[in-house]
């Protein structure tokens, strides 16, 4: 899929669009360009469903004119489309309010060894559609065949290869290639009149040698969890310790913390962590953004603005070390961008982490789930969370799904859906006990299991 000619064509069009923007009157201009080819297949309820093949490219143009911002994008390659986008972006800028923080960043060197294209398995881009379909069928078949009670709602397998680049009038000129396989699986189990809760897994692979192992892993984990959801009984109401699987921890507790380390959230008064740099905010917790990890979907050598994306500590040993900046937030605070501009060619840069890693800060932390179950003793183990989370305040409330009751440090039975509530930031101050073992969530974040005290549990 793809090729050198397509890559050079994308670069040529990006630089042409940049030149056209400056000719149209832009003071500064930046082009983010992305091309891709993809193959995908889905097996839905036992039958082969959608099979897709797609190829295309998008060029997004950001212009700045006296502090006024304009943006336009096109998926057309001919000169007339590029000229039209350039005129539109400049016209929008002239009608937009001025903001002195609307700036394009100065270029910074990117380590060539960090580029994804230099480290990714090139054989992935050569996968045929027949192989993609076969893998989707294998994923569904392995799951369903493990137990007659399991019904696979959807199994999908895809391969995407592409080229990304950012060029600007300030001298930014970055480009990289990527190729990755993605797998996802959703299933449930039914026994007579009883239907257990749905379970879901996903993963991203950039090494062909890992495909078989990852396919088997998510198929077996989903099958085990689906069967384990059958026979659920009533839970118990209490306020105290709850053991969170990585997915549940990420949804209920981690998301407010990550939202609050955005410099823009701080600047706009929407962060509970404003003015707390250098303070202990989450004893027992370490949070790092690691875009160098090829196993993460967000792995990258540079951000949406073409600045280096490096391993970046956010919380170390429970202490808040850094806020995340893109060029805009950095200009507001008079600091340098941390390389956290996010987004694609269809919009202006946003702000966020690339590939979060959550781990225990204590080297003597419990090894794994079994060790945390023993420490919990008696209480609730929740594998998924579905509900509302207020990123600004940290308040969360929702349903514990795929929950298990623990007695004597062992899982004894599945539990019907119960309600959980609390405040993430208050709970963090109590200190969380994290395992040294971690789980990759959908190919993105790498998160440990966590035991958190003070959670309110309400059984129906």
Protein backbone atom coordinates (compact mmCIF):
# COMPACT_ATOMS: atom_id res chain seq x y z
CA UNK A 1 0.00 0.00 0.00
CA UNK A 2 1.27 3.51 -0.75
CA UNK A 3 4.74 4.15 -2.15
CA UNK A 4 7.57 6.60 -2.64
CA UNK A 5 5.79 8.40 -5.48
CA UNK A 6 2.73 9.06 -3.34
CA UNK A 7 4.94 10.30 -0.52
CA UNK A 8 6.82 12.73 -2.73
CA UNK A 9 3.53 13.87 -4.25
CA UNK A 10 2.15 14.72 -0.82
CA UNK A 11 5.26 16.69 0.09
CA UNK A 12 5.14 18.59 -3.21
CA UNK A 13 1.48 19.55 -2.70
CA UNK A 14 2.08 20.60 0.92
CA UNK A 15 4.88 22.96 -0.06
CA UNK A 16 2.84 24.30 -2.98
CA UNK A 17 -0.07 25.04 -0.63
CA UNK A 18 2.28 26.82 1.76
CA UNK A 19 3.57 29.03 -1.04
CA UNK A 20 0.05 29.78 -2.26
CA UNK A 21 -1.03 30.84 1.24
CA UNK A 22 1.80 33.35 1.51
CA UNK A 23 1.00 34.69 -1.94
CA UNK A 24 -2.65 35.07 -0.88
CA UNK A 25 -1.61 37.38 1.94
CA UNK A 26 -0.95 35.18 4.97
CA UNK A 27 1.61 36.57 7.40
CA UNK A 28 2.56 33.06 8.49
CA UNK A 29 1.35 29.69 7.26
CA UNK A 30 1.52 26.03 8.22
CA UNK A 31 0.43 22.94 6.29
CA UNK A 32 -0.36 19.63 7.96
CA UNK A 33 -0.66 16.88 5.36
CA UNK A 34 -1.65 13.25 5.73
CA UNK A 35 -2.06 10.44 3.20
CA UNK A 36 -3.29 6.94 3.95
CA UNK A 37 -4.24 3.61 2.50
CA UNK A 38 -6.34 1.20 4.53
CA UNK A 39 -7.92 -2.23 4.35
CA UNK A 40 -10.51 -3.41 6.84
CA UNK A 41 -12.95 -6.24 7.52
CA UNK A 42 -15.70 -6.83 10.08
CA UNK A 43 -17.42 -10.02 11.16
CA UNK A 44 -20.80 -9.21 12.67
CA UNK A 45 -22.88 -11.82 14.51
CA UNK A 46 -21.06 -14.66 12.78
CA UNK A 47 -21.23 -13.32 9.23
CA UNK A 48 -18.68 -11.38 7.21
CA UNK A 49 -19.93 -7.83 7.13
CA UNK A 50 -18.26 -4.73 5.80
CA UNK A 51 -15.02 -5.09 3.85
CA UNK A 52 -13.36 -1.80 2.94
CA UNK A 53 -10.42 -0.47 0.98
CA UNK A 54 -9.67 3.23 1.11
CA UNK A 55 -6.98 5.58 -0.09
CA UNK A 56 -6.74 9.33 0.17
CA UNK A 57 -4.98 12.40 1.42
CA UNK A 58 -5.87 15.61 3.24
CA UNK A 59 -4.03 18.90 3.46
CA UNK A 60 -4.90 21.36 6.23
CA UNK A 61 -3.75 24.97 6.05
CA UNK A 62 -3.44 27.21 9.10
CA UNK A 63 -2.65 30.87 8.49
CA UNK A 64 -1.95 33.75 10.87
CA UNK A 65 -2.45 37.35 9.82
CA UNK A 66 -1.80 40.03 12.46
CA UNK A 67 -2.79 37.62 15.22
CA UNK A 68 -5.90 36.51 13.36
CA UNK A 69 -6.33 32.80 12.67
CA UNK A 70 -7.73 31.13 9.57
CA UNK A 71 -7.98 27.49 8.57
CA UNK A 72 -9.10 25.51 5.52
CA UNK A 73 -8.53 21.98 4.30
CA UNK A 74 -8.93 19.97 1.10
CA UNK A 75 -8.69 16.37 -0.01
CA UNK A 76 -8.17 17.40 -3.62
CA UNK A 77 -4.72 17.33 -5.23
CA UNK A 78 -5.10 19.77 -8.14
CA UNK A 79 -3.75 23.33 -7.99
CA UNK A 80 -7.18 24.96 -8.15
CA UNK A 81 -8.22 23.22 -4.92
CA UNK A 82 -5.02 24.30 -3.19
CA UNK A 83 -5.48 27.89 -4.35
CA UNK A 84 -9.11 27.89 -3.18
CA UNK A 85 -8.14 26.58 0.27
CA UNK A 86 -5.41 29.23 0.54
CA UNK A 87 -7.84 32.03 -0.35
CA UNK A 88 -10.44 30.69 2.09
CA UNK A 89 -8.00 30.42 4.98
CA UNK A 90 -6.75 33.98 4.49
CA UNK A 91 -10.32 35.31 4.12
CA UNK A 92 -11.33 33.60 7.37
CA UNK A 93 -8.30 35.06 9.14
CA UNK A 94 -9.24 38.58 8.05
CA UNK A 95 -12.70 38.14 9.61
CA UNK A 96 -11.47 36.53 12.84
CA UNK A 97 -10.69 38.31 16.13
CA UNK A 98 -7.05 39.03 16.84
CA UNK A 99 -5.24 37.10 19.57
CA UNK A 100 -1.55 37.66 20.18
CA UNK A 101 -1.18 34.02 21.24
CA UNK A 102 -2.05 32.88 17.70
CA UNK A 103 1.50 32.05 16.67
CA UNK A 104 3.33 29.33 14.80
CA UNK A 105 6.21 27.69 16.66
CA UNK A 106 9.86 27.99 15.79
CA UNK A 107 11.35 24.73 14.45
CA UNK A 108 13.12 22.29 16.74
CA UNK A 109 15.22 19.26 15.85
CA UNK A 110 13.56 15.83 15.83
CA UNK A 111 15.67 12.74 16.51
CA UNK A 112 15.68 10.70 13.30
CA UNK A 113 15.94 7.53 15.35
CA UNK A 114 12.60 8.34 16.98
CA UNK A 115 10.71 8.43 13.69
CA UNK A 116 8.07 5.72 13.45
CA UNK A 117 8.95 4.95 9.84
CA UNK A 118 12.47 3.95 10.87
CA UNK A 119 11.16 1.44 13.44
CA UNK A 120 7.89 0.07 12.10
CA UNK A 121 7.62 -3.35 10.44
CA UNK A 122 7.43 -2.60 6.68
CA UNK A 123 5.70 -5.92 5.95
CA UNK A 124 2.49 -4.63 7.53
CA UNK A 125 1.87 -2.26 4.64
CA UNK A 126 1.94 -5.20 2.23
CA UNK A 127 -0.90 -7.17 3.81
CA UNK A 128 -3.52 -8.31 1.29
CA UNK A 129 -7.27 -7.92 1.71
CA UNK A 130 -7.66 -11.71 1.84
CA UNK A 131 -5.37 -11.81 4.88
CA UNK A 132 -7.32 -9.02 6.58
CA UNK A 133 -10.61 -10.88 6.08
CA UNK A 134 -9.10 -14.14 7.33
CA UNK A 135 -7.79 -12.46 10.48
CA UNK A 136 -11.18 -10.91 11.24
CA UNK A 137 -12.78 -14.33 10.88
CA UNK A 138 -10.11 -15.91 13.06
CA UNK A 139 -10.68 -13.33 15.79
CA UNK A 140 -14.43 -13.95 15.82
CA UNK A 141 -14.07 -17.72 15.48
CA UNK A 142 -11.60 -18.19 18.30
CA UNK A 143 -13.82 -16.22 20.66
CA UNK A 144 -17.07 -17.96 19.75
CA UNK A 145 -15.59 -21.46 19.72
CA UNK A 146 -14.31 -21.19 23.28
CA UNK A 147 -17.83 -21.48 24.73
CA UNK A 148 -21.19 -22.16 23.05
CA UNK A 149 -22.80 -19.45 25.16
CA UNK A 150 -20.71 -16.66 23.61
CA UNK A 151 -22.09 -14.48 20.84
CA UNK A 152 -19.63 -12.23 18.99
CA UNK A 153 -21.32 -8.94 18.22
CA UNK A 154 -18.44 -7.60 16.14
CA UNK A 155 -14.84 -8.52 15.35
CA UNK A 156 -12.81 -6.15 13.21
CA UNK A 157 -9.33 -6.24 11.74
CA UNK A 158 -7.67 -3.51 9.69
CA UNK A 159 -4.31 -2.32 8.43
CA UNK A 160 -3.52 1.34 7.84
CA UNK A 161 -0.37 2.78 6.33
CA UNK A 162 0.29 6.45 5.80
CA UNK A 163 2.54 9.45 5.62
CA UNK A 164 2.28 12.58 7.78
CA UNK A 165 4.09 15.85 7.46
CA UNK A 166 4.10 19.40 8.83
CA UNK A 167 5.74 22.32 7.02
CA UNK A 168 5.55 25.98 7.90
CA UNK A 169 6.82 29.39 6.87
CA UNK A 170 8.76 29.47 10.16
CA UNK A 171 10.96 26.64 8.90
CA UNK A 172 9.26 23.59 10.39
CA UNK A 173 9.71 20.66 7.99
CA UNK A 174 8.89 17.24 9.44
CA UNK A 175 7.63 14.03 7.88
CA UNK A 176 7.22 10.43 8.93
CA UNK A 177 5.62 7.14 7.88
CA UNK A 178 3.54 4.70 9.88
CA UNK A 179 1.89 1.33 9.40
CA UNK A 180 -0.20 -0.50 11.98
CA UNK A 181 -2.74 -3.24 12.42
CA UNK A 182 -5.77 -2.69 14.62
CA UNK A 183 -8.04 -5.35 16.09
CA UNK A 184 -11.20 -4.92 18.12
CA UNK A 185 -13.71 -7.35 19.55
CA UNK A 186 -17.11 -7.04 21.23
CA UNK A 187 -19.08 -10.01 22.56
CA UNK A 188 -21.47 -11.24 25.26
CA UNK A 189 -22.63 -14.57 26.69
CA UNK A 190 -26.17 -15.90 26.99
CA UNK A 191 -27.32 -18.81 29.14
CA UNK A 192 -31.01 -19.61 28.76
CA UNK A 193 -32.96 -16.45 29.61
CA UNK A 194 -29.92 -14.73 31.10
CA UNK A 195 -27.70 -12.39 29.10
CA UNK A 196 -24.44 -11.33 30.66
CA UNK A 197 -22.77 -7.96 30.23
CA UNK A 198 -20.93 -7.01 27.05
CA UNK A 199 -17.15 -7.10 27.00
CA UNK A 200 -14.77 -5.28 24.65
CA UNK A 201 -11.06 -5.33 23.80
CA UNK A 202 -8.92 -3.63 21.20
CA UNK A 203 -5.24 -3.49 20.30
CA UNK A 204 -2.71 -1.93 17.93
CA UNK A 205 0.27 -3.83 16.46
CA UNK A 206 3.27 -2.47 14.58
CA UNK A 207 5.23 -5.73 14.49
CA UNK A 208 3.90 -8.59 12.35
CA UNK A 209 5.39 -11.16 14.72
CA UNK A 210 3.02 -9.97 17.47
CA UNK A 211 -0.23 -10.34 15.51
CA UNK A 212 -0.94 -13.94 16.45
CA UNK A 213 -0.28 -13.42 20.14
CA UNK A 214 -2.35 -10.25 20.38
CA UNK A 215 -5.25 -11.81 18.47
CA UNK A 216 -5.29 -14.79 20.83
CA UNK A 217 -4.96 -12.56 23.88
CA UNK A 218 -7.95 -10.33 23.22
CA UNK A 219 -10.10 -13.25 22.01
CA UNK A 220 -9.38 -15.25 25.16
CA UNK A 221 -9.81 -12.27 27.52
CA UNK A 222 -13.17 -11.32 26.02
CA UNK A 223 -14.40 -14.90 26.11
CA UNK A 224 -13.38 -15.33 29.74
CA UNK A 225 -14.98 -12.08 30.84
CA UNK A 226 -18.22 -12.71 28.96
CA UNK A 227 -18.70 -16.12 30.58
CA UNK A 228 -17.64 -14.64 33.92
CA UNK A 229 -20.48 -12.09 33.71
CA UNK A 230 -23.11 -14.86 33.82
CA UNK A 231 -24.81 -15.71 37.09
CA UNK A 232 -24.42 -12.23 38.59
CA UNK A 233 -26.04 -11.63 41.97
CA UNK A 234 -26.81 -8.50 43.98
CA UNK A 235 -23.95 -6.43 45.28
CA UNK A 236 -23.55 -4.62 48.59
CA UNK A 237 -23.65 -0.92 49.39
CA UNK A 238 -20.68 0.56 51.24
CA UNK A 239 -18.12 3.35 51.23
CA UNK A 240 -14.55 2.18 51.14
CA UNK A 241 -11.93 0.50 48.95
CA UNK A 242 -12.69 -0.50 45.37
CA UNK A 243 -10.31 -2.33 43.08
CA UNK A 244 -10.27 -0.81 39.58
CA UNK A 245 -9.16 -2.65 36.46
CA UNK A 246 -7.12 -0.42 34.12
CA UNK A 247 -10.11 0.40 31.88
CA UNK A 248 -12.34 1.43 34.78
CA UNK A 249 -9.55 3.42 36.43
CA UNK A 250 -8.87 5.26 33.18
CA UNK A 251 -12.54 6.16 32.62
CA UNK A 252 -13.51 7.24 36.12
CA UNK A 253 -10.33 8.59 37.71
CA UNK A 254 -7.58 9.17 35.19
CA UNK A 255 -9.58 11.24 32.70
CA UNK A 256 -10.15 14.20 35.10
CA UNK A 257 -6.46 14.25 35.99
CA UNK A 258 -5.40 14.31 32.35
CA UNK A 259 -7.94 17.00 31.57
CA UNK A 260 -6.58 19.13 34.40
CA UNK A 261 -2.94 19.00 33.25
CA UNK A 262 -3.87 20.75 30.01
CA UNK A 263 -2.37 24.24 30.16
CA UNK A 264 -5.42 25.58 28.31
CA UNK A 265 -7.71 24.15 31.01
CA UNK A 266 -5.53 25.88 33.62
CA UNK A 267 -5.60 29.18 31.72
CA UNK A 268 -9.38 29.07 31.36
CA UNK A 269 -10.08 28.23 34.99
CA UNK A 270 -11.20 24.65 34.31
CA UNK A 271 -8.41 22.77 36.10
CA UNK A 272 -8.51 21.48 39.67
CA UNK A 273 -4.71 21.33 39.57
CA UNK A 274 -4.01 24.98 38.77
CA UNK A 275 -1.21 26.45 40.90
CA UNK A 276 -0.27 22.99 42.20
CA UNK A 277 2.94 22.31 40.29
CA UNK A 278 5.45 20.73 42.65
CA UNK A 279 2.77 19.52 45.06
CA UNK A 280 1.84 15.95 45.91
CA UNK A 281 -1.52 15.43 44.21
CA UNK A 282 -1.73 11.63 43.87
CA UNK A 283 0.41 9.59 46.31
CA UNK A 284 1.46 6.25 44.85
CA UNK A 285 0.90 7.35 41.25
CA UNK A 286 3.23 8.09 38.34
CA UNK A 287 1.94 9.33 34.99
CA UNK A 288 4.17 9.71 31.95
CA UNK A 289 3.43 10.54 28.33
CA UNK A 290 5.59 8.23 26.21
CA UNK A 291 5.13 8.71 22.45
CA UNK A 292 8.34 6.73 21.85
CA UNK A 293 6.51 3.47 22.65
CA UNK A 294 5.72 1.71 19.36
CA UNK A 295 3.04 -0.40 21.06
CA UNK A 296 0.96 2.76 21.62
CA UNK A 297 -1.48 3.95 18.98
CA UNK A 298 -0.33 7.52 19.63
CA UNK A 299 3.36 6.82 19.07
CA UNK A 300 4.95 9.68 17.13
CA UNK A 301 8.24 11.50 16.62
CA UNK A 302 6.68 14.96 16.36
CA UNK A 303 3.39 16.59 17.29
CA UNK A 304 0.69 18.25 15.17
CA UNK A 305 2.85 21.38 14.92
CA UNK A 306 6.03 19.53 13.90
CA UNK A 307 7.75 19.83 17.29
CA UNK A 308 9.59 16.89 18.92
CA UNK A 309 7.38 14.49 20.90
CA UNK A 310 9.44 13.06 23.75
CA UNK A 311 8.92 11.00 26.89
CA UNK A 312 7.39 13.54 29.27
CA UNK A 313 6.76 13.15 33.03
CA UNK A 314 3.45 14.56 34.28
CA UNK A 315 3.17 13.08 37.78
CA UNK A 316 6.26 11.59 39.42
CA UNK A 317 6.05 9.84 42.77
CA UNK A 318 2.65 11.45 43.28
CA UNK A 319 4.02 14.95 42.62
CA UNK A 320 2.65 17.10 39.79
CA UNK A 321 5.63 17.97 37.61
CA UNK A 322 4.29 19.52 34.39
CA UNK A 323 1.39 20.88 32.42
CA UNK A 324 0.98 20.09 28.71
CA UNK A 325 1.49 22.91 26.19
CA UNK A 326 1.00 23.47 22.50
CA UNK A 327 2.19 26.64 20.74
CA UNK A 328 -0.93 28.62 21.67
CA UNK A 329 -0.96 27.84 25.41
CA UNK A 330 2.82 28.29 25.52
CA UNK A 331 2.48 31.78 24.03
CA UNK A 332 -0.15 32.69 26.62
CA UNK A 333 2.20 31.68 29.47
CA UNK A 334 5.40 32.88 27.82
CA UNK A 335 6.97 29.40 27.83
CA UNK A 336 8.01 26.79 25.28
CA UNK A 337 5.63 24.22 23.84
CA UNK A 338 6.04 20.76 25.37
CA UNK A 339 5.26 19.10 22.02
CA UNK A 340 1.66 18.25 22.85
CA UNK A 341 -0.23 19.68 19.89
CA UNK A 342 -2.73 17.02 18.84
CA UNK A 343 -4.99 16.49 15.85
CA UNK A 344 -4.97 15.84 12.15
CA UNK A 345 -5.07 17.67 8.86
CA UNK A 346 -8.78 18.46 9.05
CA UNK A 347 -8.58 20.94 11.92
CA UNK A 348 -6.40 23.34 13.88
CA UNK A 349 -4.13 21.80 16.52
CA UNK A 350 -5.62 20.77 19.83
CA UNK A 351 -3.82 19.89 23.03
CA UNK A 352 -3.34 16.55 24.78
CA UNK A 353 -1.11 13.63 25.64
CA UNK A 354 0.03 11.12 23.02
CA UNK A 355 0.54 7.81 24.86
CA UNK A 356 -0.13 7.78 28.60
CA UNK A 357 1.62 5.32 30.92
CA UNK A 358 0.26 4.97 34.47
CA UNK A 359 2.38 3.05 36.93
CA UNK A 360 3.06 2.59 40.62
CA UNK A 361 5.56 5.05 42.06
CA UNK A 362 6.51 2.63 44.84
CA UNK A 363 9.15 0.07 43.77
CA UNK A 364 7.71 -2.31 46.37
CA UNK A 365 4.18 -2.03 44.98
CA UNK A 366 2.08 -5.21 44.68
CA UNK A 367 3.02 -7.29 41.66
CA UNK A 368 -0.33 -7.90 39.99
CA UNK A 369 -4.10 -8.24 40.24
CA UNK A 370 -3.89 -11.23 42.57
CA UNK A 371 -1.75 -9.27 45.02
CA UNK A 372 -4.23 -6.36 45.00
CA UNK A 373 -7.16 -8.75 45.50
CA UNK A 374 -5.39 -10.09 48.57
CA UNK A 375 -4.85 -6.56 49.84
CA UNK A 376 -8.51 -5.63 49.21
CA UNK A 377 -9.69 -8.65 51.16
CA UNK A 378 -13.40 -7.97 50.77
CA UNK A 379 -15.12 -5.54 48.44
CA UNK A 380 -15.81 -4.70 44.83
CA UNK A 381 -13.61 -5.30 41.80
CA UNK A 382 -14.80 -3.29 38.78
CA UNK A 383 -13.54 -3.95 35.26
CA UNK A 384 -15.44 -1.27 33.32
CA UNK A 385 -17.12 2.03 34.22
CA UNK A 386 -19.94 3.73 32.35
CA UNK A 387 -21.21 7.08 33.54
CA UNK A 388 -20.55 10.80 33.76
CA UNK A 389 -17.24 12.39 34.68
CA UNK A 390 -16.79 16.12 35.25
CA UNK A 391 -13.24 16.79 34.10
CA UNK A 392 -13.09 20.18 35.82
CA UNK A 393 -14.28 19.13 39.29
CA UNK A 394 -13.32 15.45 39.21
CA UNK A 395 -16.82 14.29 40.22
CA UNK A 396 -17.86 10.96 38.72
CA UNK A 397 -21.00 8.88 38.96
CA UNK A 398 -22.00 5.82 36.99
CA UNK A 399 -22.34 2.09 36.69
CA UNK A 400 -19.81 -0.59 37.52
CA UNK A 401 -19.83 -3.16 34.71
CA UNK A 402 -18.25 -6.61 34.63
CA UNK A 403 -17.97 -6.28 38.40
CA UNK A 404 -16.91 -9.04 40.79
CA UNK A 405 -17.33 -9.46 44.54
CA UNK A 406 -14.18 -10.30 46.46
CA UNK A 407 -14.01 -12.23 49.73
CA UNK A 408 -10.93 -13.53 51.47
CA UNK A 409 -8.81 -11.90 48.78
CA UNK A 410 -10.40 -13.97 46.00
CA UNK A 411 -13.08 -13.31 43.39
CA UNK A 412 -16.14 -15.30 44.48
CA UNK A 413 -18.96 -14.21 42.16
CA UNK A 414 -20.04 -11.76 39.48
CA UNK A 415 -22.08 -8.78 40.69
CA UNK A 416 -25.06 -7.12 39.06
CA UNK A 417 -24.53 -3.53 38.03
CA UNK A 418 -24.01 -1.20 41.00
CA UNK A 419 -23.52 2.56 41.15
CA UNK A 420 -20.18 4.16 41.89
CA UNK A 421 -19.57 7.79 42.80
CA UNK A 422 -16.83 9.98 44.19
CA UNK A 423 -14.40 12.72 43.36
CA UNK A 424 -11.20 11.71 41.58
CA UNK A 425 -9.02 14.41 43.10
CA UNK A 426 -10.21 13.74 46.65
CA UNK A 427 -9.69 10.01 46.18
CA UNK A 428 -6.19 10.58 44.80
CA UNK A 429 -5.20 12.50 47.94
CA UNK A 430 -5.96 9.38 49.99
CA UNK A 431 -3.33 7.54 48.00
CA UNK A 432 -3.87 4.77 45.46
CA UNK A 433 -2.14 1.39 45.56
CA UNK A 434 -1.13 0.40 42.04
CA UNK A 435 0.17 -2.88 40.69
CA UNK A 436 3.48 -3.21 38.90
CA UNK A 437 1.63 -5.15 36.17
CA UNK A 438 -0.04 -2.99 33.52
CA UNK A 439 -2.52 -3.45 30.71
CA UNK A 440 -2.63 -1.77 27.29
CA UNK A 441 -6.05 -0.21 26.75
CA UNK A 442 -7.26 -0.41 23.16
CA UNK A 443 -3.72 0.03 21.93
CA UNK A 444 -3.44 3.43 23.62
CA UNK A 445 -2.78 4.02 27.34
CA UNK A 446 -0.73 1.59 29.44
CA UNK A 447 -2.36 1.48 32.88
CA UNK A 448 -1.91 -0.46 36.11
CA UNK A 449 -4.59 -2.03 38.31
CA UNK A 450 -5.40 0.22 41.27
CA UNK A 451 -6.90 -0.07 44.74
CA UNK A 452 -8.62 3.18 45.73
CA UNK A 453 -10.21 3.87 49.12
CA UNK A 454 -13.22 6.07 49.84
CA UNK A 455 -15.40 5.20 46.84
CA UNK A 456 -19.18 5.22 47.37
CA UNK A 457 -20.83 1.98 46.19
CA UNK A 458 -24.63 1.77 45.95
CA UNK A 459 -26.28 -1.57 45.14
CA UNK A 460 -29.71 -1.71 43.51
